[in-house]
Amino acid sequence: MGGELSASPVADDRAVYVASEIGPEGGTSQAGVRRATGTLRALGREGGVTQWMRTLAVPLQGSLSISGNKLFAGGDERLHAFDKSSGEILWTLPYGGRFNGHPVAVDGRVYAGNDDGNLVAIDEATGRMLWRYRTKGSVRGPAAVGNDTVYFGSGDGYLYAVRSVDGRLLWRKRTGAGVEAVALVDNALLVASLDNFVYRFSLNGRRGWKRQLPGRISAQPLTAEDGALFTPLSSPAGVVLGLRDGRQVNSLPTGEEITTSASPIAVGDAVLLTTEHGFLAFAQPKESPKTITSAPLQFWFR
């Protein structure tokens, strides 16, 4: 993959998009010229052949995301938009804090958090900042957007709900530790906290169930119609919880402890988990292609 992964990959029906770090950040050549230390590339879904590659001054961080023909990612103190067909940089938003999270694009706006505790709303077409909401902890996970509301977590331990039009606070609910993963599914919110628990909240902030997992959860879950796949740190398997009651209904063994915060992704009928040694892919049985609760098959590719 051309170095170590520096951000969670993302995929569409054409390619898997991968960001990597190819050297020490801020390194210089023998001539004293600052070296590019990051890359962004598109890998074809058939065989993983590189379709294009762009070198970057610093590695991208957090997670990549897709909207239409654009890729979004943060790096250093900037948020970038790329043309996903070529890797060309479309716009860059400089900001005062490191973007180490998961940008989300909905209805012409990009929502992204940074390590200074801000969630910012950005015009997707121009890169202009529209509003920001400040918390007391880093904002690294993706926001969930629905019903004219933006739901997101913070390192201060709270789940927040703010108005999408102007960022005004509607409500907030406390968990046991920092929140880095929030998903909107089945007309409810799945919230993963660094206290090792997954919570289900209603859209007005009422808590449903709470389920403990075998490690901290910093990666965004992969959701389906019947469950959600979580990848707890230090655990030897991904864990699938049922949406209705939070009970464990399946596990995806990785053969080693999970040490990365990269989120699982779906590519066609396969689910990809990122490990230190590459991607571990789980192929869905043909009789149940839309679920993640049935027993999968697995294979490696690097």
Protein backbone atom coordinates (compact mmCIF):
# COMPACT_ATOMS: atom_id res chain seq x y z
CA MET A 1 0.00 0.00 0.00
CA GLY A 2 3.03 2.28 -0.09
CA GLY A 3 3.78 2.88 3.60
CA GLU A 4 1.69 2.63 6.76
CA LEU A 5 -1.98 3.57 6.73
CA SER A 6 -2.45 7.07 8.12
CA ALA A 7 -6.27 7.32 7.90
CA SER A 8 -9.24 4.96 7.71
CA PRO A 9 -9.86 3.98 4.07
CA VAL A 10 -13.16 4.37 2.24
CA ALA A 11 -14.64 2.61 -0.79
CA ASP A 12 -17.23 3.06 -3.51
CA ASP A 13 -18.29 0.95 -6.50
CA ARG A 14 -15.10 1.88 -8.39
CA ALA A 15 -12.20 1.84 -5.95
CA VAL A 16 -10.85 1.69 -2.42
CA TYR A 17 -9.26 5.02 -1.42
CA VAL A 18 -6.24 4.70 0.88
CA ALA A 19 -4.12 7.32 2.67
CA SER A 20 -0.65 6.37 3.86
CA GLU A 21 2.47 7.79 5.46
CA ILE A 22 5.70 7.20 3.58
CA GLY A 23 8.22 8.77 5.96
CA PRO A 24 8.70 10.81 9.15
CA GLU A 25 6.44 13.86 9.20
CA GLY A 26 8.33 17.00 8.37
CA GLY A 27 11.38 15.12 7.01
CA THR A 28 13.86 16.83 4.73
CA SER A 29 16.02 15.62 1.89
CA GLN A 30 19.79 15.84 1.81
CA ALA A 31 19.42 19.14 -0.04
CA GLY A 32 17.37 20.55 2.86
CA VAL A 33 14.09 20.52 0.92
CA ARG A 34 11.01 19.44 2.86
CA ARG A 35 9.87 16.00 1.65
CA ALA A 36 6.30 15.01 0.96
CA THR A 37 5.43 12.38 3.57
CA GLY A 38 1.86 11.45 2.68
CA THR A 39 0.07 9.79 -0.20
CA LEU A 40 -3.54 9.35 -1.28
CA ARG A 41 -4.30 6.67 -3.83
CA ALA A 42 -7.23 4.90 -5.48
CA LEU A 43 -6.95 1.11 -5.69
CA GLY A 44 -9.11 -0.75 -8.20
CA ARG A 45 -11.58 -3.16 -6.65
CA GLU A 46 -10.46 -5.89 -9.02
CA GLY A 47 -6.91 -6.83 -8.03
CA GLY A 48 -6.09 -3.67 -6.07
CA VAL A 49 -4.19 -1.99 -8.95
CA THR A 50 -3.38 1.69 -8.34
CA GLN A 51 -5.60 3.91 -10.51
CA TRP A 52 -4.03 7.19 -9.41
CA MET A 53 -1.82 8.50 -6.61
CA ARG A 54 -1.24 11.97 -5.16
CA THR A 55 1.69 12.87 -2.89
CA LEU A 56 0.96 15.21 0.01
CA ALA A 57 3.16 17.43 2.18
CA VAL A 58 1.86 15.75 5.36
CA PRO A 59 -0.13 12.53 5.79
CA LEU A 60 -3.91 12.62 5.96
CA GLN A 61 -5.34 11.62 9.33
CA GLY A 62 -8.57 10.37 10.84
CA SER A 63 -10.87 8.94 8.19
CA LEU A 64 -11.56 9.53 4.51
CA SER A 65 -15.14 10.14 3.39
CA ILE A 66 -16.97 10.37 0.05
CA SER A 67 -19.73 12.57 -1.31
CA GLY A 68 -20.52 12.47 -5.01
CA ASN A 69 -17.26 12.97 -6.89
CA LYS A 70 -15.40 14.34 -3.87
CA LEU A 71 -13.18 12.82 -1.19
CA PHE A 72 -12.78 14.64 2.14
CA ALA A 73 -9.99 14.25 4.68
CA GLY A 74 -8.06 16.20 7.27
CA GLY A 75 -4.36 16.55 7.79
CA ASP A 76 -2.31 18.79 10.05
CA GLU A 77 -4.52 21.89 10.62
CA ARG A 78 -6.34 21.72 7.29
CA LEU A 79 -9.37 20.01 5.80
CA HIS A 80 -9.16 19.04 2.12
CA ALA A 81 -11.57 18.16 -0.68
CA PHE A 82 -10.21 15.98 -3.52
CA ASP A 83 -11.59 14.98 -6.90
CA LYS A 84 -12.01 11.23 -6.42
CA SER A 85 -11.52 10.50 -10.13
CA SER A 86 -8.03 12.05 -10.22
CA GLY A 87 -6.87 13.01 -6.71
CA GLU A 88 -6.78 16.73 -7.60
CA ILE A 89 -7.19 19.07 -4.60
CA LEU A 90 -10.42 21.06 -5.06
CA TRP A 91 -10.21 23.22 -1.93
CA THR A 92 -8.44 23.43 1.41
CA LEU A 93 -9.76 24.96 4.64
CA PRO A 94 -7.00 26.13 7.03
CA TYR A 95 -8.02 26.05 10.69
CA GLY A 96 -6.47 26.43 14.11
CA GLY A 97 -6.74 22.80 15.25
CA ARG A 98 -5.66 19.44 13.85
CA PHE A 99 -8.32 17.61 11.87
CA ASN A 100 -7.96 14.03 13.05
CA GLY A 101 -11.56 12.93 12.65
CA HIS A 102 -14.13 11.73 10.15
CA PRO A 103 -15.72 14.41 7.94
CA VAL A 104 -19.32 13.84 6.80
CA ALA A 105 -21.02 15.50 3.82
CA VAL A 106 -24.83 15.88 3.84
CA ASP A 107 -27.07 18.19 1.81
CA GLY A 108 -24.25 20.35 0.47
CA ARG A 109 -22.47 20.75 3.80
CA VAL A 110 -19.41 19.07 5.28
CA TYR A 111 -19.29 18.54 9.06
CA ALA A 112 -15.87 17.92 10.58
CA GLY A 113 -14.43 17.98 14.07
CA ASN A 114 -10.93 18.85 15.25
CA ASP A 115 -8.68 18.34 18.23
CA ASP A 116 -9.44 21.83 19.57
CA GLY A 117 -12.99 20.69 20.40
CA ASN A 118 -14.82 22.33 17.50
CA LEU A 119 -17.37 20.89 15.12
CA VAL A 120 -17.35 23.03 11.96
CA ALA A 121 -19.89 23.19 9.14
CA ILE A 122 -18.41 23.91 5.70
CA ASP A 123 -19.95 24.64 2.32
CA GLU A 124 -19.18 21.53 0.25
CA ALA A 125 -18.79 23.39 -3.05
CA THR A 126 -16.52 26.25 -1.92
CA GLY A 127 -14.86 25.16 1.35
CA ARG A 128 -16.23 28.23 3.18
CA MET A 129 -16.90 27.78 6.91
CA LEU A 130 -20.56 28.37 7.81
CA TRP A 131 -20.61 27.89 11.59
CA ARG A 132 -18.83 26.14 14.45
CA TYR A 133 -19.80 24.67 17.82
CA ARG A 134 -17.16 24.38 20.55
CA THR A 135 -16.98 21.58 23.14
CA LYS A 136 -14.47 20.90 25.91
CA GLY A 137 -12.85 17.87 24.27
CA SER A 138 -11.53 16.79 20.88
CA VAL A 139 -14.14 15.95 18.23
CA ARG A 140 -12.85 13.01 16.18
CA GLY A 141 -15.78 10.82 15.22
CA PRO A 142 -18.20 11.47 12.36
CA ALA A 143 -21.36 13.46 12.91
CA ALA A 144 -24.75 11.88 12.22
CA VAL A 145 -27.22 14.14 10.43
CA GLY A 146 -30.99 13.82 10.32
CA ASN A 147 -34.19 15.78 11.04
CA ASP A 148 -32.34 19.09 10.55
CA THR A 149 -30.08 18.09 13.45
CA VAL A 150 -26.38 17.23 13.73
CA TYR A 151 -25.50 14.61 16.36
CA PHE A 152 -21.86 14.17 17.40
CA GLY A 153 -19.64 13.15 20.29
CA SER A 154 -16.73 14.82 22.05
CA GLY A 155 -13.76 13.86 24.17
CA ASP A 156 -15.51 15.63 27.07
CA GLY A 157 -17.82 12.59 27.34
CA TYR A 158 -20.98 14.17 25.93
CA LEU A 159 -23.24 13.34 23.00
CA TYR A 160 -24.43 16.60 21.42
CA ALA A 161 -27.40 17.54 19.24
CA VAL A 162 -27.22 20.91 17.44
CA ARG A 163 -29.32 22.53 14.72
CA SER A 164 -27.88 21.95 11.25
CA VAL A 165 -28.80 25.44 10.04
CA ASP A 166 -26.78 27.42 12.60
CA GLY A 167 -25.15 25.05 15.14
CA ARG A 168 -27.39 26.04 18.05
CA LEU A 169 -27.43 23.48 20.90
CA LEU A 170 -30.64 21.43 21.29
CA TRP A 171 -29.53 18.94 23.97
CA ARG A 172 -26.55 16.98 25.26
CA LYS A 173 -26.22 13.68 27.16
CA ARG A 174 -23.25 12.42 29.16
CA THR A 175 -21.58 9.01 28.79
CA GLY A 176 -18.80 7.46 30.88
CA ALA A 177 -15.88 8.72 28.74
CA GLY A 178 -14.99 10.39 25.46
CA VAL A 179 -17.28 9.69 22.48
CA GLU A 180 -15.67 9.11 19.09
CA ALA A 181 -18.37 7.18 17.19
CA VAL A 182 -22.01 8.16 16.58
CA ALA A 183 -24.20 6.44 13.99
CA LEU A 184 -27.79 7.17 12.97
CA VAL A 185 -29.56 3.87 12.27
CA ASP A 186 -33.09 2.51 12.66
CA ASN A 187 -34.36 5.99 13.69
CA ALA A 188 -32.02 6.00 16.69
CA LEU A 189 -28.42 6.82 17.63
CA LEU A 190 -25.69 4.24 18.31
CA VAL A 191 -23.01 5.86 20.46
CA ALA A 192 -19.65 4.20 21.19
CA SER A 193 -17.75 5.58 24.18
CA LEU A 194 -14.18 5.08 25.35
CA ASP A 195 -15.68 3.64 28.56
CA ASN A 196 -16.02 0.35 26.55
CA PHE A 197 -19.80 0.73 26.29
CA VAL A 198 -22.12 1.12 23.30
CA TYR A 199 -25.29 3.14 23.98
CA ARG A 200 -28.52 3.45 22.06
CA PHE A 201 -30.26 6.85 22.32
CA SER A 202 -33.48 8.09 20.80
CA LEU A 203 -33.30 11.17 18.59
CA ASN A 204 -34.52 13.33 21.49
CA GLY A 205 -31.77 12.09 23.82
CA ARG A 206 -33.53 9.33 25.76
CA ARG A 207 -31.27 6.33 26.49
CA GLY A 208 -32.45 2.87 25.45
CA TRP A 209 -29.89 0.11 26.07
CA LYS A 210 -26.22 0.04 27.09
CA ARG A 211 -23.84 -2.81 26.26
CA GLN A 212 -20.22 -3.39 27.34
CA LEU A 213 -17.64 -4.59 24.80
CA PRO A 214 -14.19 -6.15 25.45
CA GLY A 215 -12.24 -2.97 24.66
CA ARG A 216 -12.45 0.75 23.95
CA ILE A 217 -14.30 1.70 20.78
CA SER A 218 -12.80 4.57 18.79
CA ALA A 219 -13.77 3.46 15.26
CA GLN A 220 -17.07 4.16 13.56
CA PRO A 221 -19.26 1.03 13.41
CA LEU A 222 -20.41 -0.53 10.16
CA THR A 223 -24.20 -0.71 10.26
CA ALA A 224 -26.69 -2.89 8.38
CA GLU A 225 -30.42 -3.54 8.56
CA ASP A 226 -30.08 -6.00 11.44
CA GLY A 227 -26.95 -5.06 13.38
CA ALA A 228 -23.80 -3.01 13.80
CA LEU A 229 -20.18 -4.17 13.62
CA PHE A 230 -17.79 -2.68 16.20
CA THR A 231 -14.00 -3.16 16.38
CA PRO A 232 -12.93 -2.81 20.04
CA LEU A 233 -9.26 -2.00 20.58
CA SER A 234 -7.13 -4.88 21.99
CA SER A 235 -9.87 -7.37 21.09
CA PRO A 236 -9.09 -10.33 18.77
CA ALA A 237 -12.41 -9.98 16.92
CA GLY A 238 -14.95 -7.53 15.59
CA VAL A 239 -18.26 -7.69 17.48
CA VAL A 240 -21.72 -7.51 15.90
CA LEU A 241 -24.55 -6.22 18.11
CA GLY A 242 -28.24 -6.53 17.30
CA LEU A 243 -29.94 -3.16 16.94
CA ARG A 244 -33.08 -4.00 18.91
CA ASP A 245 -31.57 -4.97 22.26
CA GLY A 246 -27.78 -4.62 21.90
CA ARG A 247 -27.07 -8.33 22.36
CA GLN A 248 -24.01 -9.81 20.63
CA VAL A 249 -25.13 -11.84 17.61
CA ASN A 250 -21.86 -12.52 15.78
CA SER A 251 -18.09 -12.01 15.88
CA LEU A 252 -15.49 -11.61 13.13
CA PRO A 253 -12.15 -13.06 14.37
CA THR A 254 -9.04 -11.23 13.20
CA GLY A 255 -6.40 -13.66 14.50
CA GLU A 256 -4.62 -10.83 16.33
CA GLU A 257 -5.47 -7.93 18.61
CA ILE A 258 -7.12 -4.95 16.96
CA THR A 259 -4.73 -2.02 17.33
CA THR A 260 -6.05 0.49 14.79
CA SER A 261 -8.90 2.97 14.93
CA ALA A 262 -9.65 2.44 11.24
CA SER A 263 -13.34 1.78 10.71
CA PRO A 264 -14.62 -1.39 9.02
CA ILE A 265 -15.89 -0.77 5.49
CA ALA A 266 -18.17 -2.63 3.09
CA VAL A 267 -17.02 -3.31 -0.48
CA GLY A 268 -19.68 -5.11 -2.47
CA ASP A 269 -20.54 -8.27 -0.54
CA ALA A 270 -17.35 -8.13 1.57
CA VAL A 271 -16.55 -6.45 4.88
CA LEU A 272 -12.97 -5.18 5.31
CA LEU A 273 -11.26 -4.88 8.69
CA THR A 274 -7.91 -3.07 8.88
CA THR A 275 -5.07 -4.72 10.81
CA GLU A 276 -1.36 -3.99 11.20
CA HIS A 277 -0.67 -6.42 8.35
CA GLY A 278 -3.21 -5.28 5.77
CA PHE A 279 -6.92 -5.79 5.16
CA LEU A 280 -8.82 -8.80 6.44
CA ALA A 281 -11.90 -9.37 4.30
CA PHE A 282 -15.03 -11.25 5.35
CA ALA A 283 -17.20 -12.44 2.47
CA GLN A 284 -20.92 -12.65 3.10
CA PRO A 285 -22.75 -15.94 2.50
CA LYS A 286 -24.84 -15.73 -0.68
CA GLU A 287 -28.06 -16.59 1.13
CA SER A 288 -27.91 -13.44 3.31
CA PRO A 289 -26.01 -10.69 1.47
CA LYS A 290 -27.64 -7.73 3.28
CA THR A 291 -26.88 -8.76 6.85
CA ILE A 292 -23.82 -8.89 9.07
CA THR A 293 -25.22 -11.24 11.67
CA SER A 294 -24.68 -14.46 9.73
CA ALA A 295 -21.39 -16.37 9.88
CA PRO A 296 -18.92 -14.93 7.33
CA LEU A 297 -16.07 -16.42 5.35
CA GLN A 298 -12.68 -14.72 5.57
CA PHE A 299 -9.58 -14.17 3.46
CA TRP A 300 -6.54 -11.86 3.44
CA PHE A 301 -5.18 -9.37 0.98
CA ARG A 302 -2.38 -6.88 1.50
